Each structure stands twice: as C-alpha cells, then as structure tokens.
Protein backbone atom coordinates (compact mmCIF):
# COMPACT_ATOMS: atom_id res chain seq x y z
CA MET A 1 -56.10 101.50 -1.62
CA LYS A 2 -56.97 98.91 0.96
CA ILE A 3 -58.48 95.82 -0.58
CA ARG A 4 -61.01 93.63 1.20
CA LEU A 5 -59.69 90.26 2.25
CA LEU A 6 -60.88 87.26 0.33
CA VAL A 7 -62.70 84.97 2.79
CA LEU A 8 -62.77 81.27 2.05
CA SER A 9 -65.54 79.02 3.27
CA LEU A 10 -63.24 76.05 3.64
CA PHE A 11 -59.94 75.50 5.38
CA SER A 12 -57.77 75.23 2.31
CA ILE A 13 -54.36 75.92 0.87
CA PHE A 14 -53.53 79.54 1.48
CA GLY A 15 -51.88 82.28 3.28
CA VAL A 16 -49.10 84.37 4.53
CA SER A 17 -49.24 87.91 5.80
CA ALA A 18 -46.95 90.82 5.41
CA CYS A 19 -45.50 93.58 7.38
CA GLY A 20 -43.14 96.43 7.12
CA GLY A 21 -42.78 100.15 7.05
CA SER A 22 -45.44 100.88 4.44
CA GLY A 23 -47.85 98.07 5.21
CA SER A 24 -48.23 94.42 5.96
CA THR A 25 -46.45 91.58 4.19
CA LEU A 26 -45.79 87.94 4.94
CA GLY A 27 -44.40 89.27 8.18
CA SER A 28 -46.51 90.19 11.16
CA SER A 29 -48.48 93.42 11.21
CA THR A 30 -46.35 94.78 14.01
CA SER A 31 -42.85 93.86 12.90
CA SER A 32 -40.74 94.17 9.77
CA ASN A 33 -40.68 90.45 9.05
CA THR A 34 -42.23 89.17 5.83
CA THR A 35 -42.75 85.91 3.96
CA ALA A 36 -43.47 85.13 0.35
CA THR A 37 -43.67 82.49 -2.31
CA ASN A 38 -44.27 82.76 -6.03
CA ASP A 39 -45.29 80.93 -9.14
CA GLN A 40 -45.77 82.14 -12.73
CA ILE A 41 -46.07 81.01 -16.31
CA THR A 42 -45.34 82.45 -19.81
CA HIS A 43 -43.28 85.43 -21.26
CA VAL A 44 -40.13 87.15 -20.15
CA VAL A 45 -40.26 90.77 -19.03
CA SER A 46 -37.48 92.81 -17.43
CA THR A 47 -38.12 94.24 -14.01
CA THR A 48 -35.88 96.32 -11.75
CA THR A 49 -35.37 95.93 -8.02
CA ASN A 50 -34.76 98.75 -5.56
CA SER A 51 -31.02 98.31 -5.91
CA GLY A 52 -31.17 98.92 -9.64
CA ASN A 53 -30.40 95.34 -10.64
CA THR A 54 -32.36 94.02 -13.58
CA ILE A 55 -33.88 90.58 -13.15
CA GLY A 56 -35.71 88.55 -15.78
CA LEU A 57 -39.21 87.80 -14.51
CA THR A 58 -41.38 85.52 -16.56
CA ASN A 59 -45.08 84.89 -16.42
CA THR A 60 -45.04 82.35 -19.19
CA LEU A 61 -43.78 78.97 -20.22
CA ASP A 62 -40.58 80.57 -21.46
CA THR A 63 -37.97 79.06 -19.15
CA THR A 64 -35.11 81.54 -19.43
CA VAL A 65 -34.46 82.67 -15.87
CA THR A 66 -31.81 85.12 -14.72
CA THR A 67 -30.01 83.58 -11.76
CA GLY A 68 -27.88 86.54 -10.85
CA ALA A 69 -28.11 90.33 -10.86
CA GLY A 70 -25.85 92.98 -12.26
CA ALA A 71 -22.48 92.49 -13.94
CA GLY A 72 -21.31 88.91 -14.15
CA SER A 73 -24.76 87.45 -13.57
CA ASN A 74 -25.54 84.05 -15.05
CA THR A 75 -28.56 83.06 -17.06
CA SER A 76 -29.79 79.47 -17.05
CA SER A 77 -32.16 77.96 -19.57
CA ALA A 78 -34.26 75.24 -17.95
CA SER A 79 -36.69 72.98 -19.73
CA ALA A 80 -39.56 70.93 -18.35
CA GLY A 81 -38.11 67.70 -17.03
CA ASN A 82 -34.74 69.23 -16.18
CA ALA A 83 -33.49 68.38 -12.69
CA VAL A 84 -32.93 72.11 -12.08
CA LEU A 85 -36.68 72.33 -11.45
CA SER A 86 -36.87 69.42 -9.05
CA ALA A 87 -38.54 71.45 -6.27
CA GLU A 88 -41.68 71.67 -8.40
CA GLY A 89 -44.92 70.74 -6.67
CA LEU A 90 -47.63 71.97 -4.35
CA TRP A 91 -46.34 72.87 -0.90
CA GLN A 92 -48.45 73.47 2.21
CA GLY A 93 -46.83 75.30 5.09
CA ARG A 94 -46.66 78.05 7.64
CA ALA A 95 -44.52 81.15 8.10
CA ASP A 96 -42.95 82.12 11.41
CA THR A 97 -45.32 85.09 11.38
CA SER A 98 -48.37 82.88 12.05
CA ARG A 99 -49.49 82.82 8.43
CA VAL A 100 -50.61 79.82 6.41
CA VAL A 101 -48.84 79.55 3.06
CA THR A 102 -49.62 77.52 -0.08
CA THR A 103 -47.00 77.44 -2.81
CA LEU A 104 -47.27 76.06 -6.34
CA ILE A 105 -43.93 75.71 -8.12
CA ALA A 106 -44.51 74.90 -11.77
CA ASP A 107 -42.34 72.77 -14.02
CA SER A 108 -41.61 75.97 -15.97
CA SER A 109 -39.93 77.61 -12.90
CA PHE A 110 -42.87 80.00 -12.39
CA TYR A 111 -44.35 79.92 -8.90
CA TRP A 112 -47.04 81.55 -6.82
CA MET A 113 -47.39 81.64 -3.08
CA LEU A 114 -50.66 82.46 -1.34
CA TYR A 115 -50.51 83.69 2.23
CA SER A 116 -53.15 84.27 4.88
CA SER A 117 -53.66 87.01 7.40
CA ALA A 118 -51.63 86.60 10.58
CA GLY A 119 -53.30 84.09 12.88
CA SER A 120 -55.90 83.13 10.26
CA SER A 121 -56.09 80.21 7.85
CA THR A 122 -59.06 81.41 5.82
CA ASN A 123 -58.34 85.06 4.93
CA ILE A 124 -56.00 85.58 1.99
CA ALA A 125 -53.76 88.60 2.55
CA GLY A 126 -51.70 88.44 -0.63
CA VAL A 127 -49.81 86.51 -3.28
CA VAL A 128 -46.10 86.25 -4.06
CA VAL A 129 -45.04 85.37 -7.61
CA GLY A 130 -41.71 84.90 -9.38
CA ASN A 131 -39.34 82.37 -10.87
CA SER A 132 -37.18 79.89 -9.03
CA LEU A 133 -34.30 77.57 -9.77
CA SER A 134 -33.80 74.39 -7.78
CA SER A 135 -31.17 71.66 -7.90
CA ASN A 136 -29.54 69.21 -5.50
CA GLY A 137 -31.70 70.26 -2.58
CA GLN A 138 -31.12 74.02 -3.00
CA ILE A 139 -33.70 76.53 -4.28
CA THR A 140 -33.39 80.25 -5.03
CA SER A 141 -35.58 83.05 -6.36
CA ASN A 142 -34.23 86.55 -6.93
CA ASN A 143 -37.19 88.21 -8.66
CA GLY A 144 -40.14 87.66 -6.33
CA LYS A 145 -42.95 90.20 -6.01
CA ASP A 146 -45.45 90.35 -3.15
CA PHE A 147 -48.90 91.62 -4.19
CA ASN A 148 -50.41 92.53 -0.83
CA PHE A 149 -54.21 92.81 -0.83
CA GLU A 150 -54.41 94.31 2.67
CA THR A 151 -52.50 97.48 1.75
CA GLY A 152 -52.41 97.48 -2.06
CA ALA A 153 -48.60 97.43 -1.89
CA LEU A 154 -46.30 95.72 -4.40
CA LEU A 155 -43.03 94.70 -2.75
CA PRO A 156 -39.89 93.03 -4.21
CA LEU A 157 -38.28 90.12 -2.43
CA THR A 158 -35.75 87.32 -2.80
CA TRP A 159 -35.57 83.95 -1.13
CA THR A 160 -33.35 80.92 -0.69
CA GLY A 161 -34.02 77.54 0.81
CA THR A 162 -33.50 73.83 0.95
CA TYR A 163 -35.83 71.00 -0.02
CA THR A 164 -36.23 67.27 -0.25
CA ALA A 165 -38.06 66.47 -3.48
CA LYS A 166 -41.73 65.61 -2.91
CA SER A 167 -41.20 65.82 0.86
CA SER A 168 -40.23 69.07 2.62
CA LEU A 169 -39.24 72.67 1.89
CA GLN A 170 -37.63 75.28 4.13
CA ALA A 171 -37.05 78.83 2.95
CA SER A 172 -36.01 82.28 4.12
CA LEU A 173 -37.65 85.23 2.35
CA THR A 174 -36.08 88.69 2.38
CA TYR A 175 -37.99 91.85 1.48
CA THR A 176 -35.42 94.02 -0.28
CA ASP A 177 -37.19 97.33 0.50
CA ILE A 178 -37.83 96.56 4.18
CA PRO A 179 -34.84 96.63 6.58
CA GLY A 180 -34.83 93.41 8.57
CA GLY A 181 -37.79 92.09 6.57
CA VAL A 182 -37.03 88.38 6.74
CA VAL A 183 -39.54 85.55 7.10
CA ALA A 184 -38.97 81.83 7.61
CA LEU A 185 -41.20 79.28 5.88
CA ASN A 186 -41.60 75.56 6.51
CA ALA A 187 -43.72 73.44 4.17
CA VAL A 188 -44.45 69.86 3.18
CA HIS A 189 -45.26 68.47 -0.24
CA ASP A 190 -48.94 67.82 -0.98
CA SER A 191 -49.30 64.33 -2.50
CA ASN A 192 -52.33 65.48 -4.50
CA TYR A 193 -49.83 67.13 -6.83
CA ASN A 194 -48.84 63.65 -7.99
CA LEU A 195 -52.27 63.09 -9.58
CA THR A 196 -52.71 63.46 -13.35
CA PRO A 197 -54.46 66.62 -14.59
CA SER A 198 -56.85 66.53 -17.54
CA PHE A 199 -59.40 68.60 -19.45
CA ALA A 200 -62.09 66.25 -18.21
CA LYS A 201 -61.26 67.05 -14.57
CA ILE A 202 -60.94 70.81 -14.99
CA SER A 203 -63.92 71.48 -17.27
CA GLY A 204 -67.08 72.83 -15.65
CA THR A 205 -68.56 75.95 -14.07
CA TYR A 206 -66.95 77.62 -11.06
CA ARG A 207 -68.30 80.36 -8.83
CA GLY A 208 -66.21 82.31 -6.37
CA THR A 209 -64.17 85.48 -6.01
CA SER A 210 -61.41 87.15 -7.98
CA VAL A 211 -59.13 89.84 -6.63
CA SER A 212 -56.47 92.16 -8.04
CA LEU A 213 -54.70 95.30 -6.86
CA THR A 214 -56.44 97.29 -9.59
CA ASN A 215 -59.98 96.13 -9.01
CA GLY A 216 -60.19 94.75 -5.50
CA SER A 217 -62.44 91.78 -4.78
CA GLN A 218 -65.30 90.81 -7.11
CA GLU A 219 -67.75 87.92 -7.27
CA THR A 220 -66.78 85.92 -10.34
CA ALA A 221 -68.08 83.03 -12.44
CA ILE A 222 -65.89 81.01 -14.81
CA VAL A 223 -66.82 78.34 -17.34
CA ILE A 224 -64.06 76.00 -18.54
CA TYR A 225 -64.93 74.01 -21.65
CA SER A 226 -63.73 70.51 -22.50
CA ALA A 227 -61.21 71.78 -25.06
CA GLY A 228 -59.71 74.28 -22.59
CA GLN A 229 -61.46 77.54 -23.49
CA ILE A 230 -62.38 79.90 -20.63
CA ASN A 231 -65.28 82.36 -20.39
CA GLY A 232 -65.58 84.49 -17.27
CA SER A 233 -67.72 87.29 -15.89
CA ARG A 234 -67.71 89.48 -12.78
CA THR A 235 -70.32 91.51 -10.96
CA ASP A 236 -68.56 94.75 -11.98
CA GLY A 237 -69.46 94.08 -15.64
CA CYS A 238 -66.06 92.72 -16.68
CA THR A 239 -66.09 89.74 -19.03
CA PHE A 240 -62.97 87.87 -20.09
CA THR A 241 -61.85 84.89 -22.12
CA GLY A 242 -58.85 82.62 -22.00
CA THR A 243 -57.40 79.15 -22.22
CA ILE A 244 -56.29 76.47 -19.77
CA SER A 245 -54.19 73.36 -20.34
CA PRO A 246 -52.78 70.57 -18.13
CA PHE A 247 -49.16 70.59 -17.01
CA ILE A 248 -46.88 68.09 -18.73
CA ARG A 249 -46.50 66.55 -15.31
CA GLY A 250 -48.01 67.48 -11.97
CA ASN A 251 -51.62 68.12 -11.02
CA ALA A 252 -51.79 71.73 -12.20
CA TYR A 253 -52.67 73.81 -15.25
CA ASN A 254 -51.33 76.63 -17.42
CA VAL A 255 -53.72 79.60 -17.59
CA SER A 256 -54.01 82.53 -20.00
CA ILE A 257 -56.58 85.35 -19.58
CA ASP A 258 -57.61 88.12 -22.01
CA TYR A 259 -59.53 91.01 -20.40
CA GLY A 260 -62.61 92.40 -22.14
CA VAL A 261 -63.32 96.06 -22.87
CA ASN A 262 -65.35 96.45 -19.67
CA CYS A 263 -62.55 95.23 -17.40
CA ARG A 264 -60.82 97.81 -15.24
CA GLU A 265 -57.52 95.91 -15.57
CA ARG A 266 -57.59 96.64 -19.31
CA ASN A 267 -58.92 100.18 -19.06
CA SER A 268 -56.38 101.18 -16.43
CA GLY A 269 -53.69 100.80 -19.07
CA ARG A 270 -51.87 98.13 -17.08
CA SER A 271 -52.43 95.12 -19.33
CA ASN A 272 -54.86 93.44 -21.70
CA SER A 273 -53.91 89.94 -20.59
CA SER A 274 -52.34 87.80 -17.89
CA LYS A 275 -50.77 84.35 -17.69
CA GLY A 276 -50.06 81.96 -14.85
CA SER A 277 -51.02 78.63 -13.34
CA ALA A 278 -53.90 76.99 -11.52
CA TYR A 279 -54.54 74.10 -9.16
CA LEU A 280 -57.73 72.07 -8.73
CA ASN A 281 -58.09 70.60 -5.25
CA PRO A 282 -59.39 67.04 -5.75
CA ALA A 283 -60.83 66.93 -2.22
CA ASN A 284 -63.40 69.71 -2.76
CA ASN A 285 -63.14 70.69 -6.47
CA GLN A 286 -61.94 74.15 -5.51
CA LEU A 287 -60.02 75.94 -8.27
CA THR A 288 -57.23 78.38 -7.43
CA SER A 289 -55.74 80.37 -10.30
CA VAL A 290 -53.03 83.04 -10.22
CA SER A 291 -52.18 84.88 -13.44
CA LEU A 292 -49.65 87.70 -13.75
CA ASN A 293 -50.23 90.53 -16.20
CA SER A 294 -47.75 91.34 -18.97
CA SER A 295 -46.77 94.61 -17.26
CA ILE A 296 -45.70 92.66 -14.14
CA ASP A 297 -47.53 95.18 -11.94
CA ASP A 298 -50.74 93.29 -11.10
CA LEU A 299 -52.20 89.82 -11.03
CA LEU A 300 -55.59 88.16 -10.99
CA LEU A 301 -56.33 85.65 -8.23
CA PHE A 302 -59.43 83.51 -8.64
CA ILE A 303 -60.76 81.03 -6.08
CA GLY A 304 -64.00 79.25 -6.82
CA ASN A 305 -65.88 76.02 -6.26
CA LYS A 306 -67.08 73.75 -9.04
CA LEU A 307 -70.86 73.61 -9.33
C-alpha cells in the first residue's frame, strides 16, 4: 500500500529516500542504492534477517544489544554514560542519493533516522530504526529496519561508520535484501542536542501529522502534561495515551504510547503499544517522535508544532 508522503511546512531535520527491486529506499528511485539510520528505546525482541541470523532489536531502555550474528556472536551490555555509546546525539546530514537525513542516537543505543524523498528536504519518505554500538570513533548497527512510507515496504539493513564525538559522522548503509544496495551518509552534530530537556519545555499541545505503515498519514493532536502524561487523538477516530520523560543527558525524550480500542494499529493485531524517542526543536518548537511497536513490524512517526 502506497502511503502519502508527510509534507512539512518548515525546512527541518529529515529525510532519506530508498530504492531497490521492490520499491524505494534511502537510495535513489532509479538505482539499488539505499540509506538508513535508526533510533529506538525500550524492550528486547528477537528479529531475523534474510540470512537467517537472529539479532536482538530493542525498542526500549533495555541496553542489551547483540553485536554479532550467528554462532560465536558477542553480546554487549551498555549502560547510559558508557563510552560505548559516545556517538549519541542529533545528527543532520545528507545521503549520496540526494536525500536529507536526520538521525537521533539515544544514550540507550536506540536510534531513528528520518529520510526525505530524493531531491527534497521537506517530504519524509521513511524512517530507519535499530540499535547501534559506538566506541573509539567507530559505530556499527546490525539490526536496522527501514520503514518506507512511499512503498509500504519494511527492509532490513546494516551499517558501519566513523565519527568524531559531537562533531561529524560518516556511515555506509547496506540493504541486506537488495543486491548492491549501499548508501553513503555524511552528517554533522547538531549543537541543540547539548541543551537540557525538561517537562516544562516539552509540555503543551501539538498539532501535526502521524504516519505508520498500517494506517498511513493522519492529522493528529497530542497534549503533553507537566508530569509527562500523553493524550492523543487522530482524525480517523483513534485515541491513545502514553508517557514521555527527559533523557538523562541530551536534548531528547523517551516516549511510550498505548493505542486505544479505535486505533487500527491495535485492531490489526500488530501491537497495542510502541516505545521510542522524541526530539523538540528549540528553534521552532516542532516535536518529532518515533516509536516502534512491540512486534517490531511497524512504527508511529509524529511531527507537530506546539500551539
């Protein structure tokens, strides 16, 4: 099912496109190249790649991350504050497929990566999510998933790269199901990530759009209360609740969503809830939230402006 692109009114922090045999990815629409970035938050679920290797993918604050696949793979346990997560931050960049990319790497190892349509900075074509490990200028992710809104496809990927903490990030993303599907990404650290998050800053009413593979694009309103509770509603009749809390460090927030009985995400049998992370742009009070469902087969992207 082809999902309508989410159009932003402001030049902001998003975008990468995709390409490949079955549809578009972070790569161009005419080649097999792709690009992706991910970010997630709270519980560990097993997922299997096309090669049959099981990888631990978390969408929670649980920080157990599988760093290898198959026999002999290693598992690292990383805690907030550990140097293994030193590539954390908000990264603004561009793929070699003419897509704008915004990446949020959380202190829990969860990441999301928003990418635009090829040649556009304002149309969001999809989101990549996963877990990453970073240390001594090297970063890897072997459990990325690209949720492509243009085609409705869900594509696995891996990526490796180098970084200078709070400065620059270079990565190469490989789509494991697309022969030759490799995309290069260059990004710089956004200094707004160094600001201190708080309930006082995030609380308020936001209006914008949410999008998922299951439900497409919907006008959405969210109220965030001063103690971190969330109430949301969409034009399709879905209402949802949740919580939000500031990161221990870094200008970002942990997000948890519970879908109501009128939400298609819940009624489709995919998941009753999702967890992830959010960023509030201090320049325009625009909230961007990406939460991954517990089935690891869909996510909810919300972008809205504070009233």
